Amino acid sequence: MRAQIVERPSVVEATYKAREVEGILDLYFYRKIGFWLAQLFAKLKITPAGVSLLGGVCGVVAGHLYYYRDLRTNIAGMILHVWANALDNADGQLARLTGTGSLEGRVIDSLFDHLIWVSIYVHLGLRCLSEGPFLAIAPLAFAAGLSHGLQGAAADYYRTCYLFFVKGRTRADLTSSAVLRSDYGKLSWRHQAWHKFLLALHLNFTRQQEVLSPRLKRLREMSDRVFPNQIPDWLKMRYESAARPMFKWWSLLMTNTRMLLLFALLLIDQPIWYFWIELTVFNLLLIYLVLREENMSQSLLTLVTTPRDSA
């Protein structure tokens, strides 16, 4: 009888969240560089939070360089932006490589990601003021930034739920707003200000996600009650079969797509179109994907709540 050969993931793949949720650029560029950087930072005893800080500074400076109507300066910003994204990949890979991942680390990473895009939207908005009045440009930039935040929150939520249902991630990786609110109330501003501040950010982020996807929220809560120990194989397979085809569309709302679009518009000196594409194309895509995900969640919720034969 021939022995079955089981293909094991490589060391670098062990630092992925999951191969199927990674974008093409992540798999063949950022994750390769990020793994090399993670190994370097591990030898230098630099923490994932330190890497997040370094990437955040690079990204914020890149946003400032987009303000100038000078192509060479903009290209310098693009290079710095790519470097910031590489560091953003490296901090998570470092955490998984060294086993130092934590909720606080994920919140810090998310905080710097938001600061980078705030810098980009603010500086692009200031740049575009030369093309139109403040009362036209400012609301446009603000609405685009708000849309970006909602799209990013939804994409992150669906990816995290996929990892929970299909890849067996722990419930600590998918904490509900109710649990976070309880934990938040236990912390003191006087003695634990930093931790309480980070938890407040994460609580607000989680509330946004749950509001966008109420049926997925109910599916997760019901699964916790019906399957307190682990997600059964039949639910894992059904969730994967339904959710996986949508990843190619969710990837369009991820950082890589936005960066490529922004770079192209900067090269032709038309950054204002980035705001309009964000408000129209990306928001329409978000609505379509949320509806599909909610229909999927309702279908799976019906299965979870339907008694099944134990045979």
C-alpha atoms as a PDB file:
ATOM      1  CA  MET A   1       0.000   0.000   0.000  1.00  0.00           C
ATOM      2  CA  ARG A   2       1.441   3.332  -1.021  1.00  0.00           C
ATOM      3  CA  ALA A   3       1.980   5.867   1.707  1.00  0.00           C
ATOM      4  CA  GLN A   4      -0.004   9.072   1.304  1.00  0.00           C
ATOM      5  CA  ILE A   5       2.186  12.105   0.867  1.00  0.00           C
ATOM      6  CA  VAL A   6       0.990  15.138   2.773  1.00  0.00           C
ATOM      7  CA  GLU A   7       2.306  18.447   1.504  1.00  0.00           C
ATOM      8  CA  ARG A   8       3.319  20.642   4.378  1.00  0.00           C
ATOM      9  CA  PRO A   9       3.374  24.419   4.157  1.00  0.00           C
ATOM     10  CA  SER A  10       6.758  26.083   3.832  1.00  0.00           C
ATOM     11  CA  VAL A  11       8.190  28.206   6.620  1.00  0.00           C
ATOM     12  CA  VAL A  12       7.209  31.401   4.807  1.00  0.00           C
ATOM     13  CA  GLU A  13       3.668  30.109   4.223  1.00  0.00           C
ATOM     14  CA  ALA A  14       3.373  29.459   7.947  1.00  0.00           C
ATOM     15  CA  THR A  15       3.502  33.242   8.387  1.00  0.00           C
ATOM     16  CA  TYR A  16       0.523  33.807   6.061  1.00  0.00           C
ATOM     17  CA  LYS A  17      -2.944  34.340   7.479  1.00  0.00           C
ATOM     18  CA  ALA A  18      -4.102  31.764   4.928  1.00  0.00           C
ATOM     19  CA  ARG A  19      -2.950  31.383   1.342  1.00  0.00           C
ATOM     20  CA  GLU A  20      -6.417  31.786  -0.179  1.00  0.00           C
ATOM     21  CA  VAL A  21      -7.054  35.143   1.541  1.00  0.00           C
ATOM     22  CA  GLU A  22      -3.757  36.618   0.329  1.00  0.00           C
ATOM     23  CA  GLY A  23      -3.697  38.776  -2.785  1.00  0.00           C
ATOM     24  CA  ILE A  24      -1.432  38.004  -5.751  1.00  0.00           C
ATOM     25  CA  LEU A  25       0.899  40.895  -4.948  1.00  0.00           C
ATOM     26  CA  ASP A  26       1.014  39.777  -1.323  1.00  0.00           C
ATOM     27  CA  LEU A  27       1.903  36.176  -2.201  1.00  0.00           C
ATOM     28  CA  TYR A  28       4.578  36.918  -4.773  1.00  0.00           C
ATOM     29  CA  PHE A  29       5.977  40.221  -3.533  1.00  0.00           C
ATOM     30  CA  TYR A  30       5.022  41.601  -0.133  1.00  0.00           C
ATOM     31  CA  ARG A  31       4.975  38.294   1.767  1.00  0.00           C
ATOM     32  CA  LYS A  32       8.389  37.350   0.365  1.00  0.00           C
ATOM     33  CA  ILE A  33       9.904  40.668   1.409  1.00  0.00           C
ATOM     34  CA  GLY A  34       7.945  40.659   4.665  1.00  0.00           C
ATOM     35  CA  PHE A  35       9.287  37.237   5.636  1.00  0.00           C
ATOM     36  CA  TRP A  36      12.878  38.340   5.053  1.00  0.00           C
ATOM     37  CA  LEU A  37      12.233  41.490   7.097  1.00  0.00           C
ATOM     38  CA  ALA A  38      10.510  39.475   9.838  1.00  0.00           C
ATOM     39  CA  GLN A  39      13.562  37.244  10.161  1.00  0.00           C
ATOM     40  CA  LEU A  40      15.813  40.315  10.326  1.00  0.00           C
ATOM     41  CA  PHE A  41      13.657  42.050  12.937  1.00  0.00           C
ATOM     42  CA  ALA A  42      13.511  38.844  14.996  1.00  0.00           C
ATOM     43  CA  LYS A  43      17.327  38.737  15.110  1.00  0.00           C
ATOM     44  CA  LEU A  44      17.423  42.418  16.065  1.00  0.00           C
ATOM     45  CA  LYS A  45      14.843  41.811  18.858  1.00  0.00           C
ATOM     46  CA  ILE A  46      12.467  44.390  17.355  1.00  0.00           C
ATOM     47  CA  THR A  47       8.842  43.847  18.335  1.00  0.00           C
ATOM     48  CA  PRO A  48       5.914  43.725  15.885  1.00  0.00           C
ATOM     49  CA  ALA A  49       4.639  46.982  17.420  1.00  0.00           C
ATOM     50  CA  GLY A  50       8.001  48.595  16.624  1.00  0.00           C
ATOM     51  CA  VAL A  51       7.727  47.446  13.020  1.00  0.00           C
ATOM     52  CA  SER A  52       4.170  48.828  12.854  1.00  0.00           C
ATOM     53  CA  LEU A  53       5.439  52.175  14.111  1.00  0.00           C
ATOM     54  CA  LEU A  54       8.221  52.290  11.510  1.00  0.00           C
ATOM     55  CA  GLY A  55       5.786  51.417   8.721  1.00  0.00           C
ATOM     56  CA  GLY A  56       3.304  53.994   9.984  1.00  0.00           C
ATOM     57  CA  VAL A  57       5.904  56.770   9.904  1.00  0.00           C
ATOM     58  CA  CYS A  58       6.934  55.832   6.351  1.00  0.00           C
ATOM     59  CA  GLY A  59       3.301  55.766   5.200  1.00  0.00           C
ATOM     60  CA  VAL A  60       2.407  59.105   6.799  1.00  0.00           C
ATOM     61  CA  VAL A  61       5.433  60.744   5.146  1.00  0.00           C
ATOM     62  CA  ALA A  62       4.439  59.162   1.826  1.00  0.00           C
ATOM     63  CA  GLY A  63       1.002  60.754   2.167  1.00  0.00           C
ATOM     64  CA  HIS A  64       2.649  64.151   2.662  1.00  0.00           C
ATOM     65  CA  LEU A  65       4.755  63.687  -0.483  1.00  0.00           C
ATOM     66  CA  TYR A  66       1.564  63.196  -2.510  1.00  0.00           C
ATOM     67  CA  TYR A  67       0.614  66.787  -1.697  1.00  0.00           C
ATOM     68  CA  TYR A  68       3.196  68.251  -4.096  1.00  0.00           C
ATOM     69  CA  ARG A  69       2.441  68.634  -7.789  1.00  0.00           C
ATOM     70  CA  ASP A  70       5.884  67.309  -8.697  1.00  0.00           C
ATOM     71  CA  LEU A  71       6.158  63.854 -10.253  1.00  0.00           C
ATOM     72  CA  ARG A  72       9.584  63.056  -8.816  1.00  0.00           C
ATOM     73  CA  THR A  73       8.363  63.886  -5.322  1.00  0.00           C
ATOM     74  CA  ASN A  74       5.237  61.790  -5.892  1.00  0.00           C
ATOM     75  CA  ILE A  75       7.350  58.835  -7.085  1.00  0.00           C
ATOM     76  CA  ALA A  76       9.439  59.136  -3.921  1.00  0.00           C
ATOM     77  CA  GLY A  77       6.164  58.962  -2.008  1.00  0.00           C
ATOM     78  CA  MET A  78       5.126  55.851  -3.949  1.00  0.00           C
ATOM     79  CA  ILE A  79       8.402  54.098  -3.104  1.00  0.00           C
ATOM     80  CA  LEU A  80       7.979  55.019   0.551  1.00  0.00           C
ATOM     81  CA  HIS A  81       4.351  53.843   0.423  1.00  0.00           C
ATOM     82  CA  VAL A  82       5.410  50.437  -0.975  1.00  0.00           C
ATOM     83  CA  TRP A  83       8.022  50.189   1.782  1.00  0.00           C
ATOM     84  CA  ALA A  84       5.372  51.015   4.383  1.00  0.00           C
ATOM     85  CA  ASN A  85       3.133  48.272   2.982  1.00  0.00           C
ATOM     86  CA  ALA A  86       6.030  45.804   3.108  1.00  0.00           C
ATOM     87  CA  LEU A  87       6.540  46.666   6.776  1.00  0.00           C
ATOM     88  CA  ASP A  88       2.801  46.275   7.360  1.00  0.00           C
ATOM     89  CA  ASN A  89       3.105  42.721   6.067  1.00  0.00           C
ATOM     90  CA  ALA A  90       6.287  42.130   8.059  1.00  0.00           C
ATOM     91  CA  ASP A  91       4.805  43.063  11.455  1.00  0.00           C
ATOM     92  CA  GLY A  92       2.116  40.382  11.205  1.00  0.00           C
ATOM     93  CA  GLN A  93       4.580  37.824   9.843  1.00  0.00           C
ATOM     94  CA  LEU A  94       6.976  38.639  12.674  1.00  0.00           C
ATOM     95  CA  ALA A  95       4.207  38.107  15.227  1.00  0.00           C
ATOM     96  CA  ARG A  96       3.310  34.727  13.728  1.00  0.00           C
ATOM     97  CA  LEU A  97       6.964  33.727  13.312  1.00  0.00           C
ATOM     98  CA  THR A  98       7.818  34.488  16.949  1.00  0.00           C
ATOM     99  CA  GLY A  99       4.456  33.563  18.470  1.00  0.00           C
ATOM    100  CA  THR A 100       4.016  37.073  19.905  1.00  0.00           C
ATOM    101  CA  GLY A 101       0.694  37.939  18.281  1.00  0.00           C
ATOM    102  CA  SER A 102      -1.883  39.654  20.474  1.00  0.00           C
ATOM    103  CA  LEU A 103      -5.064  41.698  20.278  1.00  0.00           C
ATOM    104  CA  GLU A 104      -3.146  44.818  21.294  1.00  0.00           C
ATOM    105  CA  GLY A 105      -0.651  44.226  18.492  1.00  0.00           C
ATOM    106  CA  ARG A 106      -3.429  43.860  15.917  1.00  0.00           C
ATOM    107  CA  VAL A 107      -5.071  47.081  17.129  1.00  0.00           C
ATOM    108  CA  ILE A 108      -1.768  48.977  16.948  1.00  0.00           C
ATOM    109  CA  ASP A 109      -1.234  47.678  13.414  1.00  0.00           C
ATOM    110  CA  SER A 110      -4.753  48.777  12.433  1.00  0.00           C
ATOM    111  CA  LEU A 111      -4.220  52.181  14.065  1.00  0.00           C
ATOM    112  CA  PHE A 112      -1.144  52.899  11.959  1.00  0.00           C
ATOM    113  CA  ASP A 113      -2.893  51.656   8.819  1.00  0.00           C
ATOM    114  CA  HIS A 114      -5.639  54.207   9.460  1.00  0.00           C
ATOM    115  CA  LEU A 115      -3.144  57.001  10.159  1.00  0.00           C
ATOM    116  CA  ILE A 116      -1.394  56.320   6.845  1.00  0.00           C
ATOM    117  CA  TRP A 117      -4.615  56.652   4.864  1.00  0.00           C
ATOM    118  CA  VAL A 118      -5.719  59.696   6.854  1.00  0.00           C
ATOM    119  CA  SER A 119      -2.449  61.345   5.825  1.00  0.00           C
ATOM    120  CA  ILE A 120      -3.043  60.347   2.207  1.00  0.00           C
ATOM    121  CA  TYR A 121      -6.620  61.636   2.088  1.00  0.00           C
ATOM    122  CA  VAL A 122      -5.767  64.891   3.855  1.00  0.00           C
ATOM    123  CA  HIS A 123      -2.802  65.675   1.626  1.00  0.00           C
ATOM    124  CA  LEU A 124      -4.597  64.661  -1.561  1.00  0.00           C
ATOM    125  CA  GLY A 125      -7.512  66.858  -0.511  1.00  0.00           C
ATOM    126  CA  LEU A 126      -5.204  69.820   0.090  1.00  0.00           C
ATOM    127  CA  ARG A 127      -3.579  69.246  -3.282  1.00  0.00           C
ATOM    128  CA  CYS A 128      -6.946  69.150  -5.037  1.00  0.00           C
ATOM    129  CA  LEU A 129      -7.989  72.497  -3.498  1.00  0.00           C
ATOM    130  CA  SER A 130      -6.149  74.159  -6.372  1.00  0.00           C
ATOM    131  CA  GLU A 131      -8.724  72.617  -8.720  1.00  0.00           C
ATOM    132  CA  GLY A 132     -11.889  73.595  -6.883  1.00  0.00           C
ATOM    133  CA  PRO A 133     -13.424  75.448  -3.922  1.00  0.00           C
ATOM    134  CA  PHE A 134     -13.023  74.192  -0.355  1.00  0.00           C
ATOM    135  CA  LEU A 135     -16.755  73.513   0.062  1.00  0.00           C
ATOM    136  CA  ALA A 136     -16.622  71.137  -2.909  1.00  0.00           C
ATOM    137  CA  ILE A 137     -13.280  69.379  -2.320  1.00  0.00           C
ATOM    138  CA  ALA A 138     -13.439  68.959   1.473  1.00  0.00           C
ATOM    139  CA  PRO A 139     -16.774  67.044   1.556  1.00  0.00           C
ATOM    140  CA  LEU A 140     -15.618  64.935  -1.406  1.00  0.00           C
ATOM    141  CA  ALA A 141     -12.371  63.939   0.317  1.00  0.00           C
ATOM    142  CA  PHE A 142     -14.133  63.326   3.642  1.00  0.00           C
ATOM    143  CA  ALA A 143     -16.847  61.159   2.071  1.00  0.00           C
ATOM    144  CA  ALA A 144     -14.228  59.157   0.157  1.00  0.00           C
ATOM    145  CA  GLY A 145     -12.216  58.625   3.337  1.00  0.00           C
ATOM    146  CA  LEU A 146     -15.317  57.523   5.251  1.00  0.00           C
ATOM    147  CA  SER A 147     -16.217  55.115   2.442  1.00  0.00           C
ATOM    148  CA  HIS A 148     -12.693  53.728   2.504  1.00  0.00           C
ATOM    149  CA  GLY A 149     -13.006  53.051   6.234  1.00  0.00           C
ATOM    150  CA  LEU A 150     -16.276  51.160   5.841  1.00  0.00           C
ATOM    151  CA  GLN A 151     -14.983  49.136   2.904  1.00  0.00           C
ATOM    152  CA  GLY A 152     -11.822  48.201   4.784  1.00  0.00           C
ATOM    153  CA  ALA A 153     -13.803  47.233   7.896  1.00  0.00           C
ATOM    154  CA  ALA A 154     -16.125  44.978   5.882  1.00  0.00           C
ATOM    155  CA  ALA A 155     -13.279  43.304   3.970  1.00  0.00           C
ATOM    156  CA  ASP A 156     -11.355  42.671   7.196  1.00  0.00           C
ATOM    157  CA  TYR A 157     -14.455  41.252   8.909  1.00  0.00           C
ATOM    158  CA  TYR A 158     -15.223  38.755   6.153  1.00  0.00           C
ATOM    159  CA  ARG A 159     -11.609  37.633   5.969  1.00  0.00           C
ATOM    160  CA  THR A 160     -11.439  37.176   9.757  1.00  0.00           C
ATOM    161  CA  CYS A 161     -14.727  35.249   9.758  1.00  0.00           C
ATOM    162  CA  TYR A 162     -13.410  32.990   7.012  1.00  0.00           C
ATOM    163  CA  LEU A 163     -10.305  32.234   9.077  1.00  0.00           C
ATOM    164  CA  PHE A 164     -12.515  31.508  12.087  1.00  0.00           C
ATOM    165  CA  PHE A 165     -15.019  29.233  10.374  1.00  0.00           C
ATOM    166  CA  VAL A 166     -12.718  27.474   7.901  1.00  0.00           C
ATOM    167  CA  LYS A 167      -9.201  27.587   9.331  1.00  0.00           C
ATOM    168  CA  GLY A 168     -10.069  27.025  12.966  1.00  0.00           C
ATOM    169  CA  ARG A 169      -8.756  30.285  14.368  1.00  0.00           C
ATOM    170  CA  THR A 170      -9.606  30.818  18.028  1.00  0.00           C
ATOM    171  CA  ARG A 171     -12.580  32.854  19.210  1.00  0.00           C
ATOM    172  CA  ALA A 172     -10.101  35.409  20.545  1.00  0.00           C
ATOM    173  CA  ASP A 173      -9.438  36.392  16.920  1.00  0.00           C
ATOM    174  CA  LEU A 174     -13.141  37.140  16.380  1.00  0.00           C
ATOM    175  CA  THR A 175     -14.368  38.884  19.505  1.00  0.00           C
ATOM    176  CA  SER A 176     -17.868  40.362  19.549  1.00  0.00           C
ATOM    177  CA  SER A 177     -18.571  43.973  20.482  1.00  0.00           C
ATOM    178  CA  ALA A 178     -20.487  42.750  23.562  1.00  0.00           C
ATOM    179  CA  VAL A 179     -17.381  41.016  24.931  1.00  0.00           C
ATOM    180  CA  LEU A 180     -15.169  43.966  24.054  1.00  0.00           C
ATOM    181  CA  ARG A 181     -17.586  46.362  25.742  1.00  0.00           C
ATOM    182  CA  SER A 182     -17.430  44.271  28.906  1.00  0.00           C
ATOM    183  CA  ASP A 183     -13.622  44.211  28.817  1.00  0.00           C
ATOM    184  CA  TYR A 184     -13.552  47.947  28.153  1.00  0.00           C
ATOM    185  CA  GLY A 185     -15.659  48.627  31.251  1.00  0.00           C
ATOM    186  CA  LYS A 186     -13.195  46.723  33.412  1.00  0.00           C
ATOM    187  CA  LEU A 187     -10.273  48.982  32.485  1.00  0.00           C
ATOM    188  CA  SER A 188      -9.451  52.260  34.215  1.00  0.00           C
ATOM    189  CA  TRP A 189      -8.464  55.436  32.386  1.00  0.00           C
ATOM    190  CA  ARG A 190      -6.304  56.359  35.346  1.00  0.00           C
ATOM    191  CA  HIS A 191      -4.264  53.160  35.556  1.00  0.00           C
ATOM    192  CA  GLN A 192      -4.662  51.568  32.106  1.00  0.00           C
ATOM    193  CA  ALA A 193      -5.179  54.527  29.782  1.00  0.00           C
ATOM    194  CA  TRP A 194      -3.202  53.145  26.830  1.00  0.00           C
ATOM    195  CA  HIS A 195      -4.858  49.731  26.913  1.00  0.00           C
ATOM    196  CA  LYS A 196      -8.302  51.295  27.333  1.00  0.00           C
ATOM    197  CA  PHE A 197      -7.670  53.643  24.406  1.00  0.00           C
ATOM    198  CA  LEU A 198      -6.653  50.758  22.127  1.00  0.00           C
ATOM    199  CA  LEU A 199      -9.639  48.710  23.230  1.00  0.00           C
ATOM    200  CA  ALA A 200     -11.943  51.678  22.542  1.00  0.00           C
ATOM    201  CA  LEU A 201     -10.607  51.839  18.972  1.00  0.00           C
ATOM    202  CA  HIS A 202     -11.093  48.125  18.481  1.00  0.00           C
ATOM    203  CA  LEU A 203     -14.588  48.248  19.973  1.00  0.00           C
ATOM    204  CA  ASN A 204     -15.620  51.022  17.577  1.00  0.00           C
ATOM    205  CA  PHE A 205     -14.127  49.116  14.622  1.00  0.00           C
ATOM    206  CA  THR A 206     -15.942  45.908  15.605  1.00  0.00           C
ATOM    207  CA  ARG A 207     -19.268  47.752  15.979  1.00  0.00           C
ATOM    208  CA  GLN A 208     -18.909  49.077  12.428  1.00  0.00           C
ATOM    209  CA  GLN A 209     -18.316  45.569  11.134  1.00  0.00           C
ATOM    210  CA  GLU A 210     -21.298  44.116  12.966  1.00  0.00           C
ATOM    211  CA  VAL A 211     -23.597  46.892  11.755  1.00  0.00           C
ATOM    212  CA  LEU A 212     -22.526  46.238   8.163  1.00  0.00           C
ATOM    213  CA  SER A 213     -23.125  42.497   8.487  1.00  0.00           C
ATOM    214  CA  PRO A 214     -25.867  41.723  11.034  1.00  0.00           C
ATOM    215  CA  ARG A 215     -26.617  38.255   9.631  1.00  0.00           C
ATOM    216  CA  LEU A 216     -22.974  37.238   9.754  1.00  0.00           C
ATOM    217  CA  LYS A 217     -22.881  38.482  13.330  1.00  0.00           C
ATOM    218  CA  ARG A 218     -25.873  36.258  14.174  1.00  0.00           C
ATOM    219  CA  LEU A 219     -24.268  33.288  12.416  1.00  0.00           C
ATOM    220  CA  ARG A 220     -21.125  33.682  14.473  1.00  0.00           C
ATOM    221  CA  GLU A 221     -23.053  34.053  17.747  1.00  0.00           C
ATOM    222  CA  MET A 222     -25.290  31.082  16.984  1.00  0.00           C
ATOM    223  CA  SER A 223     -22.274  28.972  16.053  1.00  0.00           C
ATOM    224  CA  ASP A 224     -20.694  29.824  19.399  1.00  0.00           C
ATOM    225  CA  ARG A 225     -23.799  28.555  21.192  1.00  0.00           C
ATOM    226  CA  VAL A 226     -24.485  25.472  19.096  1.00  0.00           C
ATOM    227  CA  PHE A 227     -20.827  24.461  18.653  1.00  0.00           C
ATOM    228  CA  PRO A 228     -19.035  25.680  21.804  1.00  0.00           C
ATOM    229  CA  ASN A 229     -15.942  23.510  21.287  1.00  0.00           C
ATOM    230  CA  GLN A 230     -15.174  23.684  17.575  1.00  0.00           C
ATOM    231  CA  ILE A 231     -16.781  24.305  14.201  1.00  0.00           C
ATOM    232  CA  PRO A 232     -17.914  20.975  12.669  1.00  0.00           C
ATOM    233  CA  ASP A 233     -16.384  19.847   9.390  1.00  0.00           C
ATOM    234  CA  TRP A 234     -19.671  20.085   7.468  1.00  0.00           C
ATOM    235  CA  LEU A 235     -20.013  23.773   8.360  1.00  0.00           C
ATOM    236  CA  LYS A 236     -16.363  24.451   7.523  1.00  0.00           C
ATOM    237  CA  MET A 237     -16.815  22.952   4.066  1.00  0.00           C
ATOM    238  CA  ARG A 238     -20.086  24.762   3.371  1.00  0.00           C
ATOM    239  CA  TYR A 239     -18.674  28.100   4.543  1.00  0.00           C
ATOM    240  CA  GLU A 240     -15.542  27.680   2.441  1.00  0.00           C
ATOM    241  CA  SER A 241     -17.517  26.662  -0.638  1.00  0.00           C
ATOM    242  CA  ALA A 242     -19.787  29.700  -0.344  1.00  0.00           C
ATOM    243  CA  ALA A 243     -17.236  32.329   0.718  1.00  0.00           C
ATOM    244  CA  ARG A 244     -14.101  31.502  -1.220  1.00  0.00           C
ATOM    245  CA  PRO A 245     -15.353  32.546  -4.698  1.00  0.00           C
ATOM    246  CA  MET A 246     -15.919  36.086  -3.382  1.00  0.00           C
ATOM    247  CA  PHE A 247     -12.292  36.674  -2.362  1.00  0.00           C
ATOM    248  CA  LYS A 248     -11.310  37.824  -5.849  1.00  0.00           C
ATOM    249  CA  TRP A 249     -13.881  40.615  -5.504  1.00  0.00           C
ATOM    250  CA  TRP A 250     -13.029  41.485  -1.919  1.00  0.00           C
ATOM    251  CA  SER A 251      -9.384  41.823  -2.991  1.00  0.00           C
ATOM    252  CA  LEU A 252     -10.401  44.838  -5.090  1.00  0.00           C
ATOM    253  CA  LEU A 253     -11.238  46.661  -1.852  1.00  0.00           C
ATOM    254  CA  MET A 254      -7.880  45.841  -0.270  1.00  0.00           C
ATOM    255  CA  THR A 255      -4.805  48.050   0.013  1.00  0.00           C
ATOM    256  CA  ASN A 256      -2.982  46.790  -3.088  1.00  0.00           C
ATOM    257  CA  THR A 257      -5.749  47.787  -5.503  1.00  0.00           C
ATOM    258  CA  ARG A 258      -6.035  51.230  -3.951  1.00  0.00           C
ATOM    259  CA  MET A 259      -2.286  51.782  -4.139  1.00  0.00           C
ATOM    260  CA  LEU A 260      -2.075  50.804  -7.812  1.00  0.00           C
ATOM    261  CA  LEU A 261      -5.029  53.041  -8.664  1.00  0.00           C
ATOM    262  CA  LEU A 262      -3.565  55.940  -6.690  1.00  0.00           C
ATOM    263  CA  PHE A 263      -0.151  55.536  -8.323  1.00  0.00           C
ATOM    264  CA  ALA A 264      -1.684  55.537 -11.816  1.00  0.00           C
ATOM    265  CA  LEU A 265      -3.702  58.706 -11.112  1.00  0.00           C
ATOM    266  CA  LEU A 266      -0.685  60.462  -9.608  1.00  0.00           C
ATOM    267  CA  LEU A 267       1.368  59.632 -12.698  1.00  0.00           C
ATOM    268  CA  ILE A 268      -1.199  61.406 -14.896  1.00  0.00           C
ATOM    269  CA  ASP A 269      -1.706  64.191 -12.328  1.00  0.00           C
ATOM    270  CA  GLN A 270      -5.404  63.412 -11.767  1.00  0.00           C
ATOM    271  CA  PRO A 271      -5.609  62.391  -8.060  1.00  0.00           C
ATOM    272  CA  ILE A 272      -9.078  63.912  -7.655  1.00  0.00           C
ATOM    273  CA  TRP A 273     -10.474  60.969  -9.624  1.00  0.00           C
ATOM    274  CA  TYR A 274      -9.335  58.703  -6.816  1.00  0.00           C
ATOM    275  CA  PHE A 275     -12.043  60.248  -4.602  1.00  0.00           C
ATOM    276  CA  TRP A 276     -14.729  59.796  -7.241  1.00  0.00           C
ATOM    277  CA  ILE A 277     -13.800  56.151  -7.924  1.00  0.00           C
ATOM    278  CA  GLU A 278     -13.829  55.497  -4.192  1.00  0.00           C
ATOM    279  CA  LEU A 279     -17.330  56.952  -3.852  1.00  0.00           C
ATOM    280  CA  THR A 280     -18.824  55.247  -6.902  1.00  0.00           C
ATOM    281  CA  VAL A 281     -17.130  52.056  -8.109  1.00  0.00           C
ATOM    282  CA  PHE A 282     -15.826  50.863  -4.730  1.00  0.00           C
ATOM    283  CA  ASN A 283     -19.048  51.651  -2.873  1.00  0.00           C
ATOM    284  CA  LEU A 284     -21.153  49.835  -5.466  1.00  0.00           C
ATOM    285  CA  LEU A 285     -18.829  46.850  -5.165  1.00  0.00           C
ATOM    286  CA  LEU A 286     -19.141  46.988  -1.382  1.00  0.00           C
ATOM    287  CA  ILE A 287     -22.950  46.957  -1.549  1.00  0.00           C
ATOM    288  CA  TYR A 288     -22.921  44.008  -3.935  1.00  0.00           C
ATOM    289  CA  LEU A 289     -20.514  41.982  -1.790  1.00  0.00           C
ATOM    290  CA  VAL A 290     -22.299  42.748   1.486  1.00  0.00           C
ATOM    291  CA  LEU A 291     -25.593  41.558  -0.020  1.00  0.00           C
ATOM    292  CA  ARG A 292     -23.980  38.349  -1.238  1.00  0.00           C
ATOM    293  CA  GLU A 293     -22.276  37.721   2.113  1.00  0.00           C
ATOM    294  CA  GLU A 294     -25.479  38.400   4.028  1.00  0.00           C
ATOM    295  CA  ASN A 295     -27.439  35.961   1.826  1.00  0.00           C
ATOM    296  CA  MET A 296     -24.726  33.371   2.415  1.00  0.00           C
ATOM    297  CA  SER A 297     -24.845  33.978   6.170  1.00  0.00           C
ATOM    298  CA  GLN A 298     -28.636  33.608   6.250  1.00  0.00           C
ATOM    299  CA  SER A 299     -28.439  30.325   4.368  1.00  0.00           C
ATOM    300  CA  LEU A 300     -25.792  28.958   6.747  1.00  0.00           C
ATOM    301  CA  LEU A 301     -27.678  30.266   9.771  1.00  0.00           C
ATOM    302  CA  THR A 302     -30.703  28.221   8.697  1.00  0.00           C
ATOM    303  CA  LEU A 303     -28.532  25.110   8.526  1.00  0.00           C
ATOM    304  CA  VAL A 304     -26.943  25.787  11.932  1.00  0.00           C
ATOM    305  CA  THR A 305     -30.325  26.188  13.620  1.00  0.00           C
ATOM    306  CA  THR A 306     -31.848  23.130  11.930  1.00  0.00           C
ATOM    307  CA  PRO A 307     -31.532  19.928  14.017  1.00  0.00           C
ATOM    308  CA  ARG A 308     -29.248  17.374  12.358  1.00  0.00           C
ATOM    309  CA  ASP A 309     -29.179  13.622  12.746  1.00  0.00           C
ATOM    310  CA  SER A 310     -26.272  12.455  14.844  1.00  0.00           C
ATOM    311  CA  ALA A 311     -25.863   9.361  12.714  1.00  0.00           C
END
